[in-house]
Amino acid sequence: MAVDDEYQQIAEWLKTEKGHSDLEIEKIILHLRHYEENTQLNSVMDSIGSGSLNLTAIIEQALSDEGES
């Protein structure tokens, strides 16, 4: 079962408490990763929409860091 540290605790819970097989756990973790990515994207988009995230400042910072890489 290839599970990174980030999901190790939930993988152990799925196996010991819920009785899922290694293959089932991998499938569940894959779905959790996908859900997490979508949630993060939605959170960023909501923050931009509400004005609580200054997108202009993020863009300026990202572009000013280009020469430092």
C-alpha atoms as a PDB file:
ATOM      1  CA  MET A   1       0.000   0.000   0.000  1.00  0.00           C
ATOM      2  CA  ALA A   2       1.649   3.241  -1.173  1.00  0.00           C
ATOM      3  CA  VAL A   3       0.363   5.975   1.117  1.00  0.00           C
ATOM      4  CA  ASP A   4       2.363   9.102   1.880  1.00  0.00           C
ATOM      5  CA  ASP A   5       2.752  10.491   5.401  1.00  0.00           C
ATOM      6  CA  GLU A   6      -0.028  13.016   4.878  1.00  0.00           C
ATOM      7  CA  TYR A   7      -2.638  10.264   4.593  1.00  0.00           C
ATOM      8  CA  GLN A   8      -0.992   7.564   6.718  1.00  0.00           C
ATOM      9  CA  GLN A   9      -3.203   8.140   9.746  1.00  0.00           C
ATOM     10  CA  ILE A  10      -6.440   7.919   7.783  1.00  0.00           C
ATOM     11  CA  ALA A  11      -5.117   4.887   5.888  1.00  0.00           C
ATOM     12  CA  GLU A  12      -4.443   3.108   9.170  1.00  0.00           C
ATOM     13  CA  TRP A  13      -7.930   4.025  10.418  1.00  0.00           C
ATOM     14  CA  LEU A  14      -9.526   2.745   7.209  1.00  0.00           C
ATOM     15  CA  LYS A  15      -7.686  -0.549   7.591  1.00  0.00           C
ATOM     16  CA  THR A  16      -7.989  -1.194  11.313  1.00  0.00           C
ATOM     17  CA  GLU A  17     -11.317   0.413  12.162  1.00  0.00           C
ATOM     18  CA  LYS A  18     -13.210   0.002   8.902  1.00  0.00           C
ATOM     19  CA  GLY A  19     -11.633  -3.196   7.567  1.00  0.00           C
ATOM     20  CA  HIS A  20     -10.777  -1.919   4.075  1.00  0.00           C
ATOM     21  CA  SER A  21      -8.235  -3.734   1.915  1.00  0.00           C
ATOM     22  CA  ASP A  22      -5.035  -2.060   0.698  1.00  0.00           C
ATOM     23  CA  LEU A  23      -6.527  -1.646  -2.783  1.00  0.00           C
ATOM     24  CA  GLU A  24      -9.685  -0.058  -1.379  1.00  0.00           C
ATOM     25  CA  ILE A  25      -7.590   2.287   0.759  1.00  0.00           C
ATOM     26  CA  GLU A  26      -5.554   3.389  -2.265  1.00  0.00           C
ATOM     27  CA  LYS A  27      -8.777   4.143  -4.152  1.00  0.00           C
ATOM     28  CA  ILE A  28     -10.201   6.072  -1.179  1.00  0.00           C
ATOM     29  CA  ILE A  29      -6.980   8.080  -0.742  1.00  0.00           C
ATOM     30  CA  LEU A  30      -6.977   8.925  -4.455  1.00  0.00           C
ATOM     31  CA  HIS A  31     -10.493  10.314  -4.115  1.00  0.00           C
ATOM     32  CA  LEU A  32      -9.518  12.235  -0.981  1.00  0.00           C
ATOM     33  CA  ARG A  33      -6.584  13.842  -2.815  1.00  0.00           C
ATOM     34  CA  HIS A  34      -8.876  14.851  -5.676  1.00  0.00           C
ATOM     35  CA  TYR A  35     -11.431  16.245  -3.216  1.00  0.00           C
ATOM     36  CA  GLU A  36      -8.702  18.177  -1.399  1.00  0.00           C
ATOM     37  CA  GLU A  37      -7.405  19.716  -4.640  1.00  0.00           C
ATOM     38  CA  ASN A  38     -10.912  20.845  -5.621  1.00  0.00           C
ATOM     39  CA  THR A  39     -11.588  22.203  -2.136  1.00  0.00           C
ATOM     40  CA  GLN A  40      -8.371  24.220  -2.157  1.00  0.00           C
ATOM     41  CA  LEU A  41      -9.138  25.618  -5.607  1.00  0.00           C
ATOM     42  CA  ASN A  42     -12.679  26.536  -4.580  1.00  0.00           C
ATOM     43  CA  SER A  43     -11.360  28.161  -1.404  1.00  0.00           C
ATOM     44  CA  VAL A  44      -8.904  30.301  -3.368  1.00  0.00           C
ATOM     45  CA  MET A  45     -11.573  31.273  -5.890  1.00  0.00           C
ATOM     46  CA  ASP A  46     -14.025  32.150  -3.088  1.00  0.00           C
ATOM     47  CA  SER A  47     -11.353  34.273  -1.388  1.00  0.00           C
ATOM     48  CA  ILE A  48     -10.659  36.135  -4.624  1.00  0.00           C
ATOM     49  CA  GLY A  49     -14.387  36.634  -5.194  1.00  0.00           C
ATOM     50  CA  SER A  50     -14.954  37.978  -1.688  1.00  0.00           C
ATOM     51  CA  GLY A  51     -11.962  40.297  -1.912  1.00  0.00           C
ATOM     52  CA  SER A  52     -10.197  38.707   1.077  1.00  0.00           C
ATOM     53  CA  LEU A  53      -7.329  37.564  -1.165  1.00  0.00           C
ATOM     54  CA  ASN A  54      -5.414  40.322  -2.907  1.00  0.00           C
ATOM     55  CA  LEU A  55      -4.791  38.663  -6.259  1.00  0.00           C
ATOM     56  CA  THR A  56      -2.874  41.671  -7.577  1.00  0.00           C
ATOM     57  CA  ALA A  57      -0.385  41.419  -4.713  1.00  0.00           C
ATOM     58  CA  ILE A  58       0.017  37.664  -5.298  1.00  0.00           C
ATOM     59  CA  ILE A  59       0.689  38.240  -9.006  1.00  0.00           C
ATOM     60  CA  GLU A  60       3.209  41.002  -8.307  1.00  0.00           C
ATOM     61  CA  GLN A  61       5.029  38.882  -5.741  1.00  0.00           C
ATOM     62  CA  ALA A  62       5.127  35.849  -8.040  1.00  0.00           C
ATOM     63  CA  LEU A  63       6.502  37.876 -10.921  1.00  0.00           C
ATOM     64  CA  SER A  64       9.084  39.664  -8.782  1.00  0.00           C
ATOM     65  CA  ASP A  65      10.348  36.274  -7.561  1.00  0.00           C
ATOM     66  CA  GLU A  66      11.025  35.081 -11.131  1.00  0.00           C
ATOM     67  CA  GLY A  67      14.512  36.536 -11.195  1.00  0.00           C
ATOM     68  CA  GLU A  68      15.409  34.971  -7.842  1.00  0.00           C
ATOM     69  CA  SER A  69      14.983  31.306  -8.922  1.00  0.00           C
END
